[in-house]
Amino acid sequence: VPILCATSAFGMGVDLPGIRLVVHYSAPASL
């Protein structure tokens, strides 16, 4: 399953080598 739709809960400790595209569908809280 190549696409994961996630909130900021997906991130802490994540270190996957094969992520080729990150889309912010809506604006995050800060830079």
PDB file of all heavy atoms in Angstrom:
ATOM      1  N   VAL A   1       0.891  -1.173   0.000  1.00  0.00           N
ATOM      2  CA  VAL A   1       0.000   0.000   0.000  1.00  0.00           C
ATOM      3  C   VAL A   1       0.923   1.216   0.000  1.00  0.00           C
ATOM      4  O   VAL A   1       1.511   1.555   1.030  1.00  0.00           O
ATOM      5  CB  VAL A   1      -0.947   0.012   1.217  1.00  0.00           C
ATOM      6  CG1 VAL A   1      -1.764   1.298   1.243  1.00  0.00           C
ATOM      7  CG2 VAL A   1      -1.862  -1.198   1.186  1.00  0.00           C
ATOM      8  N   PRO A   2       1.071   1.880  -1.149  1.00  0.00           N
ATOM      9  CA  PRO A   2       2.131   2.892  -1.259  1.00  0.00           C
ATOM     10  C   PRO A   2       1.807   4.241  -0.638  1.00  0.00           C
ATOM     11  O   PRO A   2       2.699   5.076  -0.509  1.00  0.00           O
ATOM     12  CB  PRO A   2       2.308   3.032  -2.775  1.00  0.00           C
ATOM     13  CG  PRO A   2       0.976   2.685  -3.343  1.00  0.00           C
ATOM     14  CD  PRO A   2       0.402   1.637  -2.444  1.00  0.00           C
ATOM     15  N   ILE A   3       0.554   4.518  -0.265  1.00  0.00           N
ATOM     16  CA  ILE A   3       0.180   5.853   0.218  1.00  0.00           C
ATOM     17  C   ILE A   3      -0.376   5.744   1.633  1.00  0.00           C
ATOM     18  O   ILE A   3      -1.230   4.903   1.917  1.00  0.00           O
ATOM     19  CB  ILE A   3      -0.879   6.508  -0.700  1.00  0.00           C
ATOM     20  CG1 ILE A   3      -0.355   6.582  -2.133  1.00  0.00           C
ATOM     21  CG2 ILE A   3      -1.226   7.907  -0.203  1.00  0.00           C
ATOM     22  CD1 ILE A   3      -1.389   7.053  -3.132  1.00  0.00           C
ATOM     23  N   LEU A   4       0.092   6.602   2.505  1.00  0.00           N
ATOM     24  CA  LEU A   4      -0.396   6.654   3.876  1.00  0.00           C
ATOM     25  C   LEU A   4      -0.903   8.070   4.159  1.00  0.00           C
ATOM     26  O   LEU A   4      -0.137   9.040   4.057  1.00  0.00           O
ATOM     27  CB  LEU A   4       0.715   6.294   4.861  1.00  0.00           C
ATOM     28  CG  LEU A   4       0.285   6.108   6.320  1.00  0.00           C
ATOM     29  CD1 LEU A   4      -0.577   4.849   6.459  1.00  0.00           C
ATOM     30  CD2 LEU A   4       1.496   6.003   7.239  1.00  0.00           C
ATOM     31  N   CYS A   5      -2.197   8.200   4.470  1.00  0.00           N
ATOM     32  CA  CYS A   5      -2.777   9.482   4.873  1.00  0.00           C
ATOM     33  C   CYS A   5      -2.748   9.535   6.389  1.00  0.00           C
ATOM     34  O   CYS A   5      -3.348   8.672   7.052  1.00  0.00           O
ATOM     35  CB  CYS A   5      -4.212   9.606   4.357  1.00  0.00           C
ATOM     36  SG  CYS A   5      -4.330   9.560   2.557  1.00  0.00           S
ATOM     37  N   ALA A   6      -2.066  10.514   6.942  1.00  0.00           N
ATOM     38  CA  ALA A   6      -1.786  10.486   8.375  1.00  0.00           C
ATOM     39  C   ALA A   6      -1.826  11.878   8.977  1.00  0.00           C
ATOM     40  O   ALA A   6      -1.664  12.890   8.283  1.00  0.00           O
ATOM     41  CB  ALA A   6      -0.415   9.863   8.630  1.00  0.00           C
ATOM     42  N   THR A   7      -2.050  11.906  10.285  1.00  0.00           N
ATOM     43  CA  THR A   7      -1.871  13.138  11.050  1.00  0.00           C
ATOM     44  C   THR A   7      -0.432  13.179  11.547  1.00  0.00           C
ATOM     45  O   THR A   7       0.384  12.310  11.210  1.00  0.00           O
ATOM     46  CB  THR A   7      -2.841  13.173  12.238  1.00  0.00           C
ATOM     47  OG1 THR A   7      -2.529  12.072  13.120  1.00  0.00           O
ATOM     48  CG2 THR A   7      -4.288  13.048  11.770  1.00  0.00           C
ATOM     49  N   SER A   8      -0.126  14.160  12.383  1.00  0.00           N
ATOM     50  CA  SER A   8       1.240  14.268  12.906  1.00  0.00           C
ATOM     51  C   SER A   8       1.606  13.101  13.815  1.00  0.00           C
ATOM     52  O   SER A   8       2.770  12.984  14.220  1.00  0.00           O
ATOM     53  CB  SER A   8       1.401  15.584  13.670  1.00  0.00           C
ATOM     54  OG  SER A   8       0.465  15.659  14.726  1.00  0.00           O
ATOM     55  N   ALA A   9       0.637  12.223  14.142  1.00  0.00           N
ATOM     56  CA  ALA A   9       0.957  11.033  14.928  1.00  0.00           C
ATOM     57  C   ALA A   9       1.948  10.142  14.206  1.00  0.00           C
ATOM     58  O   ALA A   9       2.684   9.379  14.831  1.00  0.00           O
ATOM     59  CB  ALA A   9      -0.329  10.251  15.232  1.00  0.00           C
ATOM     60  N   PHE A  10       1.967  10.224  12.863  1.00  0.00           N
ATOM     61  CA  PHE A  10       2.945   9.479  12.089  1.00  0.00           C
ATOM     62  C   PHE A  10       4.187  10.347  11.942  1.00  0.00           C
ATOM     63  O   PHE A  10       4.170  11.358  11.241  1.00  0.00           O
ATOM     64  CB  PHE A  10       2.399   9.124  10.702  1.00  0.00           C
ATOM     65  CG  PHE A  10       3.382   8.391   9.826  1.00  0.00           C
ATOM     66  CD1 PHE A  10       3.596   7.038   9.980  1.00  0.00           C
ATOM     67  CD2 PHE A  10       4.113   9.070   8.859  1.00  0.00           C
ATOM     68  CE1 PHE A  10       4.516   6.369   9.180  1.00  0.00           C
ATOM     69  CE2 PHE A  10       5.027   8.414   8.056  1.00  0.00           C
ATOM     70  CZ  PHE A  10       5.228   7.055   8.222  1.00  0.00           C
ATOM     71  N   GLY A  11       5.225   9.976  12.609  1.00  0.00           N
ATOM     72  CA  GLY A  11       6.427  10.785  12.517  1.00  0.00           C
ATOM     73  C   GLY A  11       7.458  10.433  13.569  1.00  0.00           C
ATOM     74  O   GLY A  11       8.612  10.185  13.244  1.00  0.00           O
ATOM     75  N   MET A  12       7.056  10.432  14.837  1.00  0.00           N
ATOM     76  CA  MET A  12       8.022  10.194  15.905  1.00  0.00           C
ATOM     77  C   MET A  12       8.660   8.814  15.752  1.00  0.00           C
ATOM     78  O   MET A  12       7.979   7.796  15.748  1.00  0.00           O
ATOM     79  CB  MET A  12       7.337  10.315  17.270  1.00  0.00           C
ATOM     80  CG  MET A  12       6.786  11.698  17.550  1.00  0.00           C
ATOM     81  SD  MET A  12       8.058  12.981  17.478  1.00  0.00           S
ATOM     82  CE  MET A  12       9.033  12.525  18.909  1.00  0.00           C
ATOM     83  N   GLY A  13       9.965   8.768  15.584  1.00  0.00           N
ATOM     84  CA  GLY A  13      10.682   7.508  15.466  1.00  0.00           C
ATOM     85  C   GLY A  13      10.610   6.877  14.093  1.00  0.00           C
ATOM     86  O   GLY A  13      11.163   5.799  13.889  1.00  0.00           O
ATOM     87  N   VAL A  14       9.951   7.521  13.133  1.00  0.00           N
ATOM     88  CA  VAL A  14       9.826   6.964  11.787  1.00  0.00           C
ATOM     89  C   VAL A  14      11.073   7.304  10.978  1.00  0.00           C
ATOM     90  O   VAL A  14      11.450   8.464  10.870  1.00  0.00           O
ATOM     91  CB  VAL A  14       8.561   7.503  11.079  1.00  0.00           C
ATOM     92  CG1 VAL A  14       8.523   7.021   9.637  1.00  0.00           C
ATOM     93  CG2 VAL A  14       7.321   7.074  11.831  1.00  0.00           C
ATOM     94  N   ASP A  15      11.705   6.296  10.418  1.00  0.00           N
ATOM     95  CA  ASP A  15      12.906   6.523   9.617  1.00  0.00           C
ATOM     96  C   ASP A  15      12.894   5.535   8.455  1.00  0.00           C
ATOM     97  O   ASP A  15      13.706   4.617   8.388  1.00  0.00           O
ATOM     98  CB  ASP A  15      14.152   6.346  10.475  1.00  0.00           C
ATOM     99  CG  ASP A  15      15.422   6.806   9.757  1.00  0.00           C
ATOM    100  OD1 ASP A  15      15.284   7.467   8.715  1.00  0.00           O
ATOM    101  OD2 ASP A  15      16.524   6.493  10.230  1.00  0.00           O
ATOM    102  N   LEU A  16      11.967   5.725   7.526  1.00  0.00           N
ATOM    103  CA  LEU A  16      11.824   4.828   6.389  1.00  0.00           C
ATOM    104  C   LEU A  16      12.633   5.355   5.214  1.00  0.00           C
ATOM    105  O   LEU A  16      12.540   6.538   4.877  1.00  0.00           O
ATOM    106  CB  LEU A  16      10.352   4.700   5.989  1.00  0.00           C
ATOM    107  CG  LEU A  16       9.407   4.142   7.067  1.00  0.00           C
ATOM    108  CD1 LEU A  16       7.988   4.127   6.555  1.00  0.00           C
ATOM    109  CD2 LEU A  16       9.849   2.752   7.487  1.00  0.00           C
ATOM    110  N   PRO A  17      13.415   4.509   4.565  1.00  0.00           N
ATOM    111  CA  PRO A  17      14.293   5.004   3.493  1.00  0.00           C
ATOM    112  C   PRO A  17      13.583   5.272   2.175  1.00  0.00           C
ATOM    113  O   PRO A  17      14.099   6.014   1.347  1.00  0.00           O
ATOM    114  CB  PRO A  17      15.304   3.871   3.330  1.00  0.00           C
ATOM    115  CG  PRO A  17      14.564   2.638   3.758  1.00  0.00           C
ATOM    116  CD  PRO A  17      13.642   3.066   4.850  1.00  0.00           C
ATOM    117  N   GLY A  18      12.392   4.677   1.950  1.00  0.00           N
ATOM    118  CA  GLY A  18      11.807   4.706   0.616  1.00  0.00           C
ATOM    119  C   GLY A  18      10.718   5.728   0.382  1.00  0.00           C
ATOM    120  O   GLY A  18       9.997   5.638  -0.618  1.00  0.00           O
ATOM    121  N   ILE A  19      10.552   6.704   1.252  1.00  0.00           N
ATOM    122  CA  ILE A  19       9.504   7.709   1.056  1.00  0.00           C
ATOM    123  C   ILE A  19       9.987   8.720   0.017  1.00  0.00           C
ATOM    124  O   ILE A  19      10.962   9.430   0.223  1.00  0.00           O
ATOM    125  CB  ILE A  19       9.144   8.410   2.375  1.00  0.00           C
ATOM    126  CG1 ILE A  19       8.569   7.397   3.369  1.00  0.00           C
ATOM    127  CG2 ILE A  19       8.154   9.539   2.131  1.00  0.00           C
ATOM    128  CD1 ILE A  19       8.239   7.973   4.727  1.00  0.00           C
ATOM    129  N   ARG A  20       9.272   8.776  -1.100  1.00  0.00           N
ATOM    130  CA  ARG A  20       9.694   9.625  -2.214  1.00  0.00           C
ATOM    131  C   ARG A  20       8.870  10.902  -2.336  1.00  0.00           C
ATOM    132  O   ARG A  20       9.257  11.817  -3.052  1.00  0.00           O
ATOM    133  CB  ARG A  20       9.583   8.856  -3.544  1.00  0.00           C
ATOM    134  CG  ARG A  20      10.390   7.574  -3.607  1.00  0.00           C
ATOM    135  CD  ARG A  20      11.731   7.812  -4.320  1.00  0.00           C
ATOM    136  NE  ARG A  20      12.662   8.621  -3.561  1.00  0.00           N
ATOM    137  CZ  ARG A  20      13.455   8.152  -2.605  1.00  0.00           C
ATOM    138  NH1 ARG A  20      13.446   6.889  -2.282  1.00  0.00           N
ATOM    139  NH2 ARG A  20      14.280   8.962  -1.970  1.00  0.00           N
ATOM    140  N   LEU A  21       7.729  10.955  -1.681  1.00  0.00           N
ATOM    141  CA  LEU A  21       6.867  12.138  -1.790  1.00  0.00           C
ATOM    142  C   LEU A  21       6.163  12.369  -0.465  1.00  0.00           C
ATOM    143  O   LEU A  21       5.582  11.448   0.119  1.00  0.00           O
ATOM    144  CB  LEU A  21       5.833  11.935  -2.900  1.00  0.00           C
ATOM    145  CG  LEU A  21       4.762  13.031  -3.072  1.00  0.00           C
ATOM    146  CD1 LEU A  21       5.404  14.350  -3.523  1.00  0.00           C
ATOM    147  CD2 LEU A  21       3.698  12.590  -4.074  1.00  0.00           C
ATOM    148  N   VAL A  22       6.218  13.614   0.039  1.00  0.00           N
ATOM    149  CA  VAL A  22       5.460  14.038   1.219  1.00  0.00           C
ATOM    150  C   VAL A  22       4.569  15.198   0.795  1.00  0.00           C
ATOM    151  O   VAL A  22       5.056  16.205   0.272  1.00  0.00           O
ATOM    152  CB  VAL A  22       6.379  14.471   2.378  1.00  0.00           C
ATOM    153  CG1 VAL A  22       5.562  15.130   3.492  1.00  0.00           C
ATOM    154  CG2 VAL A  22       7.136  13.272   2.941  1.00  0.00           C
ATOM    155  N   VAL A  23       3.265  15.027   0.996  1.00  0.00           N
ATOM    156  CA  VAL A  23       2.294  16.062   0.647  1.00  0.00           C
ATOM    157  C   VAL A  23       1.643  16.569   1.930  1.00  0.00           C
ATOM    158  O   VAL A  23       1.179  15.771   2.744  1.00  0.00           O
ATOM    159  CB  VAL A  23       1.204  15.522  -0.306  1.00  0.00           C
ATOM    160  CG1 VAL A  23       0.175  16.608  -0.613  1.00  0.00           C
ATOM    161  CG2 VAL A  23       1.828  15.005  -1.594  1.00  0.00           C
ATOM    162  N   HIS A  24       1.622  17.872   2.108  1.00  0.00           N
ATOM    163  CA  HIS A  24       0.839  18.475   3.191  1.00  0.00           C
ATOM    164  C   HIS A  24      -0.479  18.935   2.577  1.00  0.00           C
ATOM    165  O   HIS A  24      -0.536  19.958   1.899  1.00  0.00           O
ATOM    166  CB  HIS A  24       1.598  19.642   3.830  1.00  0.00           C
ATOM    167  CG  HIS A  24       2.615  19.195   4.835  1.00  0.00           C
ATOM    168  ND1 HIS A  24       3.872  18.781   4.475  1.00  0.00           N
ATOM    169  CD2 HIS A  24       2.541  19.071   6.188  1.00  0.00           C
ATOM    170  CE1 HIS A  24       4.543  18.430   5.571  1.00  0.00           C
ATOM    171  NE2 HIS A  24       3.759  18.600   6.616  1.00  0.00           N
ATOM    172  N   TYR A  25      -1.517  18.139   2.817  1.00  0.00           N
ATOM    173  CA  TYR A  25      -2.818  18.407   2.216  1.00  0.00           C
ATOM    174  C   TYR A  25      -3.447  19.662   2.813  1.00  0.00           C
ATOM    175  O   TYR A  25      -4.216  20.359   2.157  1.00  0.00           O
ATOM    176  CB  TYR A  25      -3.726  17.199   2.429  1.00  0.00           C
ATOM    177  CG  TYR A  25      -5.066  17.297   1.754  1.00  0.00           C
ATOM    178  CD1 TYR A  25      -5.183  17.128   0.378  1.00  0.00           C
ATOM    179  CD2 TYR A  25      -6.214  17.544   2.492  1.00  0.00           C
ATOM    180  CE1 TYR A  25      -6.412  17.212  -0.250  1.00  0.00           C
ATOM    181  CE2 TYR A  25      -7.448  17.630   1.871  1.00  0.00           C
ATOM    182  CZ  TYR A  25      -7.540  17.458   0.498  1.00  0.00           C
ATOM    183  OH  TYR A  25      -8.758  17.545  -0.112  1.00  0.00           O
ATOM    184  N   SER A  26      -3.110  19.955   4.064  1.00  0.00           N
ATOM    185  CA  SER A  26      -3.538  21.193   4.709  1.00  0.00           C
ATOM    186  C   SER A  26      -2.363  21.728   5.512  1.00  0.00           C
ATOM    187  O   SER A  26      -1.434  20.997   5.852  1.00  0.00           O
ATOM    188  CB  SER A  26      -4.759  20.949   5.615  1.00  0.00           C
ATOM    189  OG  SER A  26      -4.578  19.805   6.415  1.00  0.00           O
ATOM    190  N   ALA A  27      -2.408  23.009   5.808  1.00  0.00           N
ATOM    191  CA  ALA A  27      -1.248  23.677   6.401  1.00  0.00           C
ATOM    192  C   ALA A  27      -0.935  23.135   7.787  1.00  0.00           C
ATOM    193  O   ALA A  27      -1.833  22.967   8.615  1.00  0.00           O
ATOM    194  CB  ALA A  27      -1.499  25.178   6.481  1.00  0.00           C
ATOM    195  N   PRO A  28       0.334  22.859   8.070  1.00  0.00           N
ATOM    196  CA  PRO A  28       0.722  22.452   9.427  1.00  0.00           C
ATOM    197  C   PRO A  28       0.671  23.641  10.377  1.00  0.00           C
ATOM    198  O   PRO A  28       0.446  24.778   9.964  1.00  0.00           O
ATOM    199  CB  PRO A  28       2.147  21.939   9.233  1.00  0.00           C
ATOM    200  CG  PRO A  28       2.659  22.709   8.059  1.00  0.00           C
ATOM    201  CD  PRO A  28       1.476  22.929   7.160  1.00  0.00           C
ATOM    202  N   ALA A  29       0.918  23.385  11.652  1.00  0.00           N
ATOM    203  CA  ALA A  29       0.779  24.438  12.659  1.00  0.00           C
ATOM    204  C   ALA A  29       1.904  25.457  12.619  1.00  0.00           C
ATOM    205  O   ALA A  29       1.744  26.580  13.095  1.00  0.00           O
ATOM    206  CB  ALA A  29       0.702  23.812  14.055  1.00  0.00           C
ATOM    207  N   SER A  30       3.043  25.096  12.059  1.00  0.00           N
ATOM    208  CA  SER A  30       4.199  25.995  12.079  1.00  0.00           C
ATOM    209  C   SER A  30       5.202  25.542  11.040  1.00  0.00           C
ATOM    210  O   SER A  30       5.112  24.429  10.497  1.00  0.00           O
ATOM    211  CB  SER A  30       4.859  25.989  13.462  1.00  0.00           C
ATOM    212  OG  SER A  30       5.403  24.707  13.744  1.00  0.00           O
ATOM    213  N   LEU A  31       6.183  26.405  10.783  1.00  0.00           N
ATOM    214  CA  LEU A  31       7.252  26.030   9.874  1.00  0.00           C
ATOM    215  C   LEU A  31       8.106  24.936  10.486  1.00  0.00           C
ATOM    216  O   LEU A  31       8.634  24.064   9.771  1.00  0.00           O
ATOM    217  CB  LEU A  31       8.108  27.254   9.541  1.00  0.00           C
ATOM    218  CG  LEU A  31       9.185  27.061   8.463  1.00  0.00           C
ATOM    219  CD1 LEU A  31       8.570  26.540   7.167  1.00  0.00           C
ATOM    220  CD2 LEU A  31       9.933  28.357   8.213  1.00  0.00           C
TER     221      LEU A  31
END
